[in-house]
Protein backbone atom coordinates (compact mmCIF):
# COMPACT_ATOMS: atom_id res chain seq x y z
CA VAL A 1 -42.51 12.50 -6.26
CA LYS A 2 -39.84 15.19 -6.61
CA ASP A 3 -37.35 13.21 -4.49
CA PHE A 4 -38.03 10.11 -6.57
CA ARG A 5 -37.30 12.01 -9.78
CA LEU A 6 -34.06 13.36 -8.34
CA ALA A 7 -32.99 9.84 -7.35
CA ILE A 8 -33.77 8.51 -10.83
CA GLU A 9 -31.80 11.35 -12.44
CA LYS A 10 -28.68 10.25 -10.53
CA PHE A 11 -28.72 6.85 -12.23
CA LYS A 12 -29.38 7.96 -15.80
CA GLU A 13 -26.76 7.20 -18.40
CA ASP A 14 -24.25 10.01 -18.49
CA ILE A 15 -23.17 11.17 -21.93
CA PRO A 16 -20.11 13.41 -21.82
CA LYS A 17 -20.45 16.87 -23.33
CA VAL A 18 -17.96 17.44 -26.12
CA THR A 19 -16.09 20.71 -25.96
CA GLY A 20 -12.87 21.14 -27.88
CA ASP A 21 -10.98 17.85 -28.16
CA HIS A 22 -13.25 15.00 -29.29
CA THR A 23 -10.76 12.23 -28.38
CA ILE A 24 -12.30 11.44 -25.00
CA ALA A 25 -15.84 11.38 -26.36
CA GLU A 26 -14.79 9.06 -29.20
CA LYS A 27 -12.95 6.58 -26.97
CA PHE A 28 -15.15 6.77 -23.88
CA ASN A 29 -18.56 7.76 -25.17
CA THR A 30 -20.72 6.12 -22.49
CA TYR A 31 -20.73 5.47 -18.79
CA ARG A 32 -23.16 2.58 -18.62
CA PHE A 33 -23.29 0.74 -15.32
CA LYS A 34 -24.21 -2.49 -17.09
CA ASP A 35 -20.92 -2.38 -18.99
CA TYR A 36 -18.95 -2.24 -15.73
CA LYS A 37 -21.28 -4.09 -13.37
CA GLU A 38 -18.85 -6.84 -12.36
CA GLN A 39 -15.98 -4.41 -11.78
CA VAL A 40 -18.19 -2.12 -9.68
CA ILE A 41 -19.42 -5.04 -7.58
CA ASP A 42 -15.84 -6.25 -7.10
CA LEU A 43 -14.67 -2.78 -6.02
CA LEU A 44 -17.60 -2.43 -3.59
CA HIS A 45 -16.74 -5.83 -2.12
CA ARG A 46 -13.12 -4.76 -1.64
CA VAL A 47 -14.10 -1.46 -0.01
CA CYS A 48 -16.49 -3.23 2.36
CA THR A 49 -13.86 -5.84 3.25
CA VAL A 50 -11.25 -3.19 4.01
CA SER A 51 -13.77 -1.22 6.09
CA VAL A 52 -14.81 -4.24 8.15
CA GLU A 53 -11.21 -5.33 8.70
CA THR A 54 -10.22 -1.79 9.72
CA VAL A 55 -12.99 -1.69 12.32
CA ARG A 56 -11.91 -5.12 13.60
CA ILE A 57 -8.23 -4.13 13.86
CA VAL A 58 -9.01 -0.81 15.56
CA GLY A 59 -11.27 -2.66 17.99
CA GLU A 60 -8.41 -4.99 18.94
CA MET A 61 -6.01 -2.12 19.67
CA PRO A 62 -5.36 -1.35 23.31
CA GLY A 63 -6.55 1.91 24.81
């Protein structure tokens, strides 16, 4: 149960703590995955593609 709670905590919405300058908090007040879902999926696809291609290229190298 403890491990499950820790895993859930990692995916909670992160609200930045405001200290000093409030500009960042006003312009970027949330980090919601749902707001960036498509961009995150696209970036993951790109990273996976580069990783697979790197393994393929290294595998084709002599020696």
